[in-house]
Amino acid sequence: MKDLIPWNRSRQPIRQEDAIPFHSLHRDINRLFDDAFRDFGLPAFGASGRMWPSIEVTEHEKDICVTAELSGLDEKDVEIAVEDGVLTIRGEKHTEVDDKERRYTERSYGRFERRVTLPAEVEEERAKATFKNGLLTVTLPKSEREQARSRRIPIVNS
């Protein structure tokens, strides 16, 4: 039975992640890149590798609605701008605990910026934003010209 258990020189069982050196290297490189993005103010990435915050864009007949999940933030932490058909959402999420106290985290902290190219021409001066329970919703009314351009054509049976 002793021949089936991997042992190191101190006769202690070897942990699975230490048995293959590439696993340890992979973990260290991931940590290095995570630290680099956090320290240089680049957009933060979540645990799944996607950009943070998560957004959703819906297009209706008269407007475009962009929703962003910003849990843990207040309105004062977020800035919204629309320019040349691009919506920009930027802000910063601060940590609540000191790094000395933290053992493990999957939460994202730091500065972020998301840019969304709008699928239609909008009236920037009539844009509205609401922030409730960590959910930012930006409503951008389509321009009259854009609404006329995307008019629905009825189908007639012949």
N, C-alpha and C. Protein backbone atom coordinates (compact mmCIF):
# COMPACT_ATOMS: atom_id res chain seq x y z
N MET A 1 0.82 -1.20 0.00
CA MET A 1 0.00 0.00 0.00
C MET A 1 0.86 1.26 0.00
N LYS A 2 2.02 1.22 0.67
CA LYS A 2 2.89 2.38 0.74
C LYS A 2 3.39 2.80 -0.63
N ASP A 3 3.51 1.88 -1.57
CA ASP A 3 4.00 2.20 -2.91
C ASP A 3 2.98 3.00 -3.71
N LEU A 4 1.73 2.99 -3.32
CA LEU A 4 0.68 3.69 -4.06
C LEU A 4 0.54 5.16 -3.66
N ILE A 5 1.10 5.56 -2.52
CA ILE A 5 0.96 6.92 -2.02
C ILE A 5 2.22 7.71 -2.37
N PRO A 6 2.08 8.86 -3.08
CA PRO A 6 3.27 9.67 -3.39
C PRO A 6 3.80 10.36 -2.13
N TRP A 7 5.09 10.21 -1.86
CA TRP A 7 5.72 10.79 -0.68
C TRP A 7 6.87 11.68 -1.10
N ASN A 8 7.13 12.72 -0.33
CA ASN A 8 8.33 13.50 -0.56
C ASN A 8 9.38 13.06 0.46
N ARG A 9 10.51 13.72 0.53
CA ARG A 9 11.61 13.27 1.39
C ARG A 9 11.25 13.27 2.87
N SER A 10 10.35 14.15 3.28
CA SER A 10 9.99 14.21 4.70
C SER A 10 8.88 13.21 5.04
N ARG A 11 8.54 12.35 4.10
CA ARG A 11 7.52 11.32 4.27
C ARG A 11 6.12 11.90 4.49
N GLN A 12 5.93 13.16 4.01
CA GLN A 12 4.61 13.78 4.07
C GLN A 12 3.94 13.58 2.71
N PRO A 13 2.65 13.33 2.66
CA PRO A 13 1.96 13.19 1.36
C PRO A 13 2.09 14.48 0.56
N ILE A 14 2.26 14.34 -0.75
CA ILE A 14 2.38 15.49 -1.65
C ILE A 14 0.97 15.95 -2.04
N ARG A 15 0.73 17.26 -1.93
CA ARG A 15 -0.56 17.80 -2.34
C ARG A 15 -0.68 17.67 -3.86
N GLN A 16 -1.90 17.49 -4.34
CA GLN A 16 -2.14 17.29 -5.77
C GLN A 16 -1.62 18.46 -6.61
N GLU A 17 -1.85 19.70 -6.15
CA GLU A 17 -1.42 20.85 -6.94
C GLU A 17 0.10 21.00 -6.97
N ASP A 18 0.81 20.42 -6.00
CA ASP A 18 2.27 20.48 -6.00
C ASP A 18 2.90 19.31 -6.76
N ALA A 19 2.12 18.28 -7.05
CA ALA A 19 2.65 17.12 -7.74
C ALA A 19 3.05 17.46 -9.17
N ILE A 20 2.33 18.38 -9.79
CA ILE A 20 2.64 18.79 -11.16
C ILE A 20 3.08 20.25 -11.10
N PRO A 21 4.36 20.53 -11.40
CA PRO A 21 4.87 21.90 -11.24
C PRO A 21 4.16 22.92 -12.11
N PHE A 22 3.59 22.50 -13.22
CA PHE A 22 2.93 23.45 -14.11
C PHE A 22 1.66 24.02 -13.48
N HIS A 23 1.00 23.28 -12.62
CA HIS A 23 -0.18 23.81 -11.93
C HIS A 23 0.20 24.98 -11.04
N SER A 24 1.28 24.82 -10.32
CA SER A 24 1.76 25.90 -9.45
C SER A 24 2.18 27.11 -10.28
N LEU A 25 2.88 26.86 -11.39
CA LEU A 25 3.30 27.95 -12.28
C LEU A 25 2.09 28.67 -12.87
N HIS A 26 1.10 27.91 -13.30
CA HIS A 26 -0.12 28.49 -13.87
C HIS A 26 -0.83 29.38 -12.85
N ARG A 27 -0.95 28.91 -11.61
CA ARG A 27 -1.59 29.68 -10.54
C ARG A 27 -0.82 30.98 -10.27
N ASP A 28 0.52 30.89 -10.24
CA ASP A 28 1.34 32.07 -9.97
C ASP A 28 1.25 33.09 -11.10
N ILE A 29 1.23 32.63 -12.34
CA ILE A 29 1.12 33.56 -13.49
C ILE A 29 -0.24 34.23 -13.48
N ASN A 30 -1.31 33.49 -13.18
CA ASN A 30 -2.64 34.10 -13.09
C ASN A 30 -2.67 35.18 -12.01
N ARG A 31 -2.06 34.90 -10.88
CA ARG A 31 -2.00 35.88 -9.79
C ARG A 31 -1.21 37.12 -10.22
N LEU A 32 -0.13 36.92 -10.97
CA LEU A 32 0.69 38.04 -11.46
C LEU A 32 -0.12 38.95 -12.37
N PHE A 33 -0.85 38.36 -13.32
CA PHE A 33 -1.65 39.17 -14.23
C PHE A 33 -2.80 39.85 -13.50
N ASP A 34 -3.43 39.18 -12.56
CA ASP A 34 -4.49 39.81 -11.77
C ASP A 34 -3.96 41.03 -11.03
N ASP A 35 -2.80 40.89 -10.42
CA ASP A 35 -2.19 42.01 -9.70
C ASP A 35 -1.83 43.15 -10.64
N ALA A 36 -1.35 42.82 -11.84
CA ALA A 36 -0.97 43.86 -12.80
C ALA A 36 -2.17 44.68 -13.23
N PHE A 37 -3.29 44.03 -13.53
CA PHE A 37 -4.48 44.76 -13.93
C PHE A 37 -4.99 45.63 -12.79
N ARG A 38 -4.93 45.13 -11.58
CA ARG A 38 -5.42 45.88 -10.43
C ARG A 38 -4.51 47.07 -10.13
N ASP A 39 -3.20 46.89 -10.21
CA ASP A 39 -2.27 47.94 -9.81
C ASP A 39 -2.12 49.07 -10.83
N PHE A 40 -2.38 48.81 -12.11
CA PHE A 40 -2.18 49.84 -13.12
C PHE A 40 -3.46 50.54 -13.54
N GLY A 41 -4.56 50.28 -12.85
CA GLY A 41 -5.80 51.00 -13.12
C GLY A 41 -6.49 50.57 -14.39
N LEU A 42 -6.14 49.41 -14.95
CA LEU A 42 -6.84 48.91 -16.12
C LEU A 42 -8.16 48.31 -15.69
N PRO A 43 -9.07 48.05 -16.65
CA PRO A 43 -10.36 47.52 -16.25
C PRO A 43 -10.21 46.22 -15.46
N ALA A 44 -10.99 46.10 -14.41
CA ALA A 44 -10.92 44.91 -13.57
C ALA A 44 -11.60 43.75 -14.26
N PHE A 45 -11.11 42.55 -14.01
CA PHE A 45 -11.69 41.35 -14.57
C PHE A 45 -12.27 40.52 -13.45
N GLY A 46 -13.43 39.91 -13.70
CA GLY A 46 -14.05 39.05 -12.70
C GLY A 46 -13.43 37.67 -12.72
N ALA A 47 -13.96 36.80 -11.90
CA ALA A 47 -13.42 35.45 -11.78
C ALA A 47 -13.54 34.68 -13.07
N SER A 48 -14.52 35.00 -13.90
CA SER A 48 -14.71 34.26 -15.13
C SER A 48 -13.91 34.84 -16.28
N GLY A 49 -13.15 35.88 -16.06
CA GLY A 49 -12.34 36.47 -17.11
C GLY A 49 -13.06 37.55 -17.91
N ARG A 50 -14.32 37.81 -17.57
CA ARG A 50 -15.05 38.85 -18.28
C ARG A 50 -14.77 40.20 -17.65
N MET A 51 -15.04 41.23 -18.43
CA MET A 51 -14.85 42.58 -17.89
C MET A 51 -15.93 42.87 -16.87
N TRP A 52 -15.56 43.67 -15.88
CA TRP A 52 -16.47 44.06 -14.83
C TRP A 52 -16.75 45.53 -14.97
N PRO A 53 -17.92 46.02 -14.84
CA PRO A 53 -19.14 45.34 -14.44
C PRO A 53 -19.83 44.65 -15.61
N SER A 54 -20.68 43.70 -15.30
CA SER A 54 -21.48 43.02 -16.32
C SER A 54 -22.55 43.98 -16.80
N ILE A 55 -22.77 44.00 -18.11
CA ILE A 55 -23.77 44.91 -18.68
C ILE A 55 -24.75 44.14 -19.55
N GLU A 56 -25.88 44.79 -19.81
CA GLU A 56 -26.90 44.25 -20.70
C GLU A 56 -27.43 45.42 -21.52
N VAL A 57 -27.51 45.23 -22.84
CA VAL A 57 -28.01 46.27 -23.73
C VAL A 57 -29.27 45.75 -24.40
N THR A 58 -30.37 46.50 -24.27
CA THR A 58 -31.62 46.14 -24.93
C THR A 58 -32.06 47.32 -25.80
N GLU A 59 -32.55 46.99 -26.98
CA GLU A 59 -33.02 48.02 -27.90
C GLU A 59 -34.52 47.86 -28.10
N HIS A 60 -35.24 48.96 -27.86
CA HIS A 60 -36.68 48.99 -28.03
C HIS A 60 -36.99 49.88 -29.22
N GLU A 61 -38.26 50.02 -29.52
CA GLU A 61 -38.68 50.82 -30.66
C GLU A 61 -38.28 52.29 -30.51
N LYS A 62 -38.40 52.83 -29.27
CA LYS A 62 -38.15 54.26 -29.08
C LYS A 62 -36.90 54.58 -28.28
N ASP A 63 -36.25 53.57 -27.66
CA ASP A 63 -35.07 53.86 -26.87
C ASP A 63 -34.13 52.66 -26.77
N ILE A 64 -32.97 52.93 -26.22
CA ILE A 64 -31.96 51.91 -25.93
C ILE A 64 -31.73 51.95 -24.43
N CYS A 65 -31.69 50.78 -23.82
CA CYS A 65 -31.53 50.68 -22.38
C CYS A 65 -30.26 49.88 -22.07
N VAL A 66 -29.36 50.47 -21.29
CA VAL A 66 -28.13 49.80 -20.88
C VAL A 66 -28.19 49.63 -19.36
N THR A 67 -28.05 48.40 -18.90
CA THR A 67 -28.10 48.09 -17.48
C THR A 67 -26.75 47.52 -17.06
N ALA A 68 -26.22 48.01 -15.94
CA ALA A 68 -24.93 47.54 -15.42
C ALA A 68 -25.09 47.11 -13.98
N GLU A 69 -24.49 45.97 -13.63
CA GLU A 69 -24.51 45.49 -12.25
C GLU A 69 -23.34 46.10 -11.51
N LEU A 70 -23.63 46.96 -10.54
CA LEU A 70 -22.60 47.67 -9.78
C LEU A 70 -22.81 47.47 -8.29
N SER A 71 -22.85 46.22 -7.86
CA SER A 71 -23.08 45.94 -6.45
C SER A 71 -21.94 46.50 -5.60
N GLY A 72 -22.30 47.03 -4.47
CA GLY A 72 -21.30 47.58 -3.55
C GLY A 72 -20.90 49.01 -3.85
N LEU A 73 -21.53 49.65 -4.83
CA LEU A 73 -21.21 51.04 -5.18
C LEU A 73 -22.39 51.95 -4.88
N ASP A 74 -22.10 53.24 -4.75
CA ASP A 74 -23.12 54.28 -4.61
C ASP A 74 -23.11 55.13 -5.87
N GLU A 75 -24.14 55.96 -6.02
CA GLU A 75 -24.22 56.84 -7.19
C GLU A 75 -22.99 57.73 -7.32
N LYS A 76 -22.44 58.17 -6.19
CA LYS A 76 -21.29 59.09 -6.22
C LYS A 76 -20.02 58.41 -6.73
N ASP A 77 -19.99 57.07 -6.76
CA ASP A 77 -18.82 56.33 -7.22
C ASP A 77 -18.83 56.09 -8.73
N VAL A 78 -19.91 56.50 -9.41
CA VAL A 78 -20.09 56.18 -10.83
C VAL A 78 -20.22 57.45 -11.65
N GLU A 79 -19.61 57.46 -12.85
CA GLU A 79 -19.71 58.56 -13.79
C GLU A 79 -20.19 58.01 -15.13
N ILE A 80 -21.15 58.70 -15.76
CA ILE A 80 -21.72 58.25 -17.03
C ILE A 80 -21.57 59.37 -18.04
N ALA A 81 -21.17 59.02 -19.27
CA ALA A 81 -21.05 60.01 -20.34
C ALA A 81 -21.45 59.36 -21.67
N VAL A 82 -22.02 60.19 -22.56
CA VAL A 82 -22.36 59.75 -23.91
C VAL A 82 -21.72 60.73 -24.88
N GLU A 83 -20.95 60.19 -25.82
CA GLU A 83 -20.28 61.04 -26.80
C GLU A 83 -20.05 60.25 -28.09
N ASP A 84 -20.47 60.83 -29.20
CA ASP A 84 -20.27 60.23 -30.53
C ASP A 84 -20.76 58.80 -30.62
N GLY A 85 -21.93 58.53 -30.07
CA GLY A 85 -22.52 57.21 -30.16
C GLY A 85 -21.90 56.16 -29.26
N VAL A 86 -21.16 56.59 -28.24
CA VAL A 86 -20.53 55.66 -27.30
C VAL A 86 -20.93 56.06 -25.88
N LEU A 87 -21.47 55.09 -25.14
CA LEU A 87 -21.80 55.29 -23.73
C LEU A 87 -20.61 54.82 -22.90
N THR A 88 -20.15 55.67 -21.98
CA THR A 88 -19.03 55.31 -21.10
C THR A 88 -19.52 55.30 -19.67
N ILE A 89 -19.26 54.18 -18.98
CA ILE A 89 -19.56 54.04 -17.56
C ILE A 89 -18.24 53.81 -16.86
N ARG A 90 -17.89 54.71 -15.93
CA ARG A 90 -16.62 54.53 -15.21
C ARG A 90 -16.84 54.82 -13.74
N GLY A 91 -15.94 54.28 -12.94
CA GLY A 91 -16.04 54.49 -11.51
C GLY A 91 -14.95 53.75 -10.77
N GLU A 92 -15.12 53.65 -9.46
CA GLU A 92 -14.14 52.96 -8.63
C GLU A 92 -14.83 52.29 -7.47
N LYS A 93 -14.43 51.04 -7.21
CA LYS A 93 -14.96 50.29 -6.08
C LYS A 93 -13.85 50.12 -5.07
N HIS A 94 -14.11 50.59 -3.86
CA HIS A 94 -13.11 50.55 -2.80
C HIS A 94 -13.32 49.31 -1.93
N THR A 95 -12.24 48.79 -1.40
CA THR A 95 -12.31 47.65 -0.50
C THR A 95 -12.69 48.10 0.91
N GLU A 96 -13.38 47.23 1.63
CA GLU A 96 -13.81 47.57 2.99
C GLU A 96 -12.84 47.06 4.04
N VAL A 97 -11.96 46.13 3.69
CA VAL A 97 -11.05 45.54 4.68
C VAL A 97 -9.61 45.78 4.25
N ASP A 98 -8.71 45.75 5.21
CA ASP A 98 -7.29 45.89 4.96
C ASP A 98 -6.75 44.59 4.36
N ASP A 99 -5.78 44.70 3.46
CA ASP A 99 -5.21 43.50 2.82
C ASP A 99 -4.61 42.53 3.82
N LYS A 100 -4.18 43.02 4.98
CA LYS A 100 -3.60 42.13 5.99
C LYS A 100 -4.64 41.17 6.55
N GLU A 101 -5.91 41.60 6.57
CA GLU A 101 -6.99 40.79 7.11
C GLU A 101 -7.55 39.81 6.08
N ARG A 102 -7.34 40.09 4.80
CA ARG A 102 -7.96 39.30 3.75
C ARG A 102 -7.14 38.02 3.49
N ARG A 103 -7.82 36.90 3.46
CA ARG A 103 -7.17 35.62 3.16
C ARG A 103 -7.46 35.18 1.73
N TYR A 104 -8.68 35.46 1.26
CA TYR A 104 -9.09 35.01 -0.07
C TYR A 104 -10.24 35.88 -0.54
N THR A 105 -10.26 36.21 -1.82
CA THR A 105 -11.38 36.99 -2.35
C THR A 105 -11.58 36.68 -3.83
N GLU A 106 -12.82 36.73 -4.25
CA GLU A 106 -13.17 36.65 -5.67
C GLU A 106 -13.86 37.93 -6.11
N ARG A 107 -13.92 38.89 -5.22
CA ARG A 107 -14.56 40.17 -5.51
C ARG A 107 -13.58 41.06 -6.27
N SER A 108 -14.12 41.96 -7.09
CA SER A 108 -13.30 42.88 -7.87
C SER A 108 -13.27 44.25 -7.21
N TYR A 109 -12.10 44.85 -7.15
CA TYR A 109 -11.94 46.19 -6.59
C TYR A 109 -11.09 47.01 -7.54
N GLY A 110 -11.19 48.32 -7.39
CA GLY A 110 -10.38 49.22 -8.18
C GLY A 110 -11.21 50.01 -9.18
N ARG A 111 -10.51 50.68 -10.08
CA ARG A 111 -11.17 51.49 -11.10
C ARG A 111 -11.65 50.61 -12.24
N PHE A 112 -12.74 51.05 -12.85
CA PHE A 112 -13.26 50.33 -14.01
C PHE A 112 -13.77 51.34 -15.02
N GLU A 113 -13.86 50.90 -16.25
CA GLU A 113 -14.44 51.71 -17.33
C GLU A 113 -14.98 50.77 -18.38
N ARG A 114 -16.25 50.94 -18.72
CA ARG A 114 -16.88 50.17 -19.79
C ARG A 114 -17.36 51.14 -20.84
N ARG A 115 -17.09 50.82 -22.09
CA ARG A 115 -17.57 51.63 -23.22
C ARG A 115 -18.47 50.75 -24.07
N VAL A 116 -19.65 51.29 -24.38
CA VAL A 116 -20.63 50.56 -25.16
C VAL A 116 -20.95 51.38 -26.41
N THR A 117 -20.68 50.80 -27.57
CA THR A 117 -21.06 51.45 -28.82
C THR A 117 -22.55 51.26 -29.00
N LEU A 118 -23.27 52.36 -29.11
CA LEU A 118 -24.72 52.30 -29.18
C LEU A 118 -25.17 51.87 -30.58
N PRO A 119 -26.16 50.99 -30.67
CA PRO A 119 -26.57 50.45 -31.97
C PRO A 119 -27.41 51.40 -32.82
N ALA A 120 -27.76 52.57 -32.29
CA ALA A 120 -28.57 53.53 -33.04
C ALA A 120 -28.24 54.94 -32.57
N GLU A 121 -28.66 55.92 -33.38
CA GLU A 121 -28.45 57.33 -33.03
C GLU A 121 -29.42 57.70 -31.90
N VAL A 122 -28.88 58.35 -30.86
CA VAL A 122 -29.70 58.70 -29.70
C VAL A 122 -29.67 60.20 -29.46
N GLU A 123 -30.65 60.68 -28.68
CA GLU A 123 -30.69 62.07 -28.26
C GLU A 123 -30.00 62.15 -26.90
N GLU A 124 -28.73 62.50 -26.92
CA GLU A 124 -27.90 62.47 -25.72
C GLU A 124 -28.42 63.36 -24.60
N GLU A 125 -28.99 64.52 -24.96
CA GLU A 125 -29.46 65.46 -23.94
C GLU A 125 -30.71 64.96 -23.20
N ARG A 126 -31.40 63.97 -23.73
CA ARG A 126 -32.60 63.43 -23.06
C ARG A 126 -32.32 62.11 -22.33
N ALA A 127 -31.07 61.72 -22.24
CA ALA A 127 -30.71 60.47 -21.56
C ALA A 127 -31.02 60.56 -20.07
N LYS A 128 -31.45 59.44 -19.49
CA LYS A 128 -31.76 59.38 -18.06
C LYS A 128 -31.07 58.17 -17.45
N ALA A 129 -30.69 58.29 -16.18
CA ALA A 129 -30.06 57.17 -15.47
C ALA A 129 -30.69 57.01 -14.10
N THR A 130 -30.89 55.77 -13.72
CA THR A 130 -31.39 55.45 -12.38
C THR A 130 -30.43 54.45 -11.74
N PHE A 131 -30.34 54.52 -10.42
CA PHE A 131 -29.46 53.62 -9.68
C PHE A 131 -30.22 53.10 -8.48
N LYS A 132 -30.49 51.79 -8.46
CA LYS A 132 -31.26 51.20 -7.37
C LYS A 132 -30.74 49.80 -7.07
N ASN A 133 -30.43 49.54 -5.80
CA ASN A 133 -29.98 48.23 -5.34
C ASN A 133 -28.78 47.71 -6.14
N GLY A 134 -27.83 48.59 -6.45
CA GLY A 134 -26.63 48.18 -7.16
C GLY A 134 -26.82 47.97 -8.65
N LEU A 135 -27.95 48.38 -9.19
CA LEU A 135 -28.24 48.21 -10.61
C LEU A 135 -28.39 49.58 -11.26
N LEU A 136 -27.48 49.89 -12.17
CA LEU A 136 -27.52 51.16 -12.90
C LEU A 136 -28.25 50.92 -14.22
N THR A 137 -29.26 51.75 -14.50
CA THR A 137 -30.02 51.65 -15.74
C THR A 137 -29.95 52.99 -16.45
N VAL A 138 -29.41 52.99 -17.66
CA VAL A 138 -29.31 54.20 -18.48
C VAL A 138 -30.27 54.04 -19.66
N THR A 139 -31.21 54.98 -19.79
CA THR A 139 -32.18 54.96 -20.89
C THR A 139 -31.84 56.08 -21.84
N LEU A 140 -31.62 55.72 -23.10
CA LEU A 140 -31.23 56.68 -24.13
C LEU A 140 -32.29 56.69 -25.23
N PRO A 141 -33.09 57.77 -25.33
CA PRO A 141 -34.13 57.82 -26.36
C PRO A 141 -33.50 57.91 -27.76
N LYS A 142 -34.06 57.14 -28.68
CA LYS A 142 -33.58 57.21 -30.07
C LYS A 142 -34.00 58.54 -30.68
N SER A 143 -33.20 59.02 -31.62
CA SER A 143 -33.54 60.27 -32.29
C SER A 143 -34.76 60.06 -33.18
N GLU A 144 -35.46 61.15 -33.48
CA GLU A 144 -36.64 61.07 -34.34
C GLU A 144 -36.28 60.49 -35.70
N ARG A 145 -35.14 60.86 -36.21
CA ARG A 145 -34.68 60.35 -37.52
C ARG A 145 -34.47 58.84 -37.46
N GLU A 146 -33.89 58.36 -36.36
CA GLU A 146 -33.65 56.93 -36.18
C GLU A 146 -34.97 56.17 -36.04
N GLN A 147 -35.93 56.75 -35.32
CA GLN A 147 -37.23 56.09 -35.17
C GLN A 147 -37.96 56.01 -36.51
N ALA A 148 -37.86 57.05 -37.32
CA ALA A 148 -38.50 57.04 -38.63
C ALA A 148 -37.83 56.03 -39.55
N ARG A 149 -36.53 55.88 -39.42
CA ARG A 149 -35.77 54.96 -40.26
C ARG A 149 -36.13 53.51 -39.96
N SER A 150 -36.47 53.22 -38.72
CA SER A 150 -36.75 51.83 -38.35
C SER A 150 -38.26 51.57 -38.17
N ARG A 151 -39.05 52.17 -39.05
CA ARG A 151 -40.49 52.00 -38.99
C ARG A 151 -40.88 50.60 -39.45
N ARG A 152 -41.84 50.03 -38.77
CA ARG A 152 -42.29 48.68 -39.09
C ARG A 152 -43.25 48.72 -40.30
N ILE A 153 -43.06 47.79 -41.20
CA ILE A 153 -43.90 47.72 -42.41
C ILE A 153 -44.89 46.59 -42.24
N PRO A 154 -46.18 46.89 -42.34
CA PRO A 154 -47.18 45.83 -42.17
C PRO A 154 -47.18 44.86 -43.36
N ILE A 155 -47.48 43.62 -43.08
CA ILE A 155 -47.56 42.59 -44.12
C ILE A 155 -49.03 42.37 -44.47
N VAL A 156 -49.32 42.41 -45.75
CA VAL A 156 -50.69 42.25 -46.23
C VAL A 156 -50.78 40.94 -47.01
N ASN A 157 -51.77 40.10 -46.66
CA ASN A 157 -51.98 38.87 -47.41
C ASN A 157 -52.65 39.18 -48.72
N SER A 158 -52.18 38.59 -49.80
CA SER A 158 -52.80 38.86 -51.10
C SER A 158 -53.57 37.70 -51.62
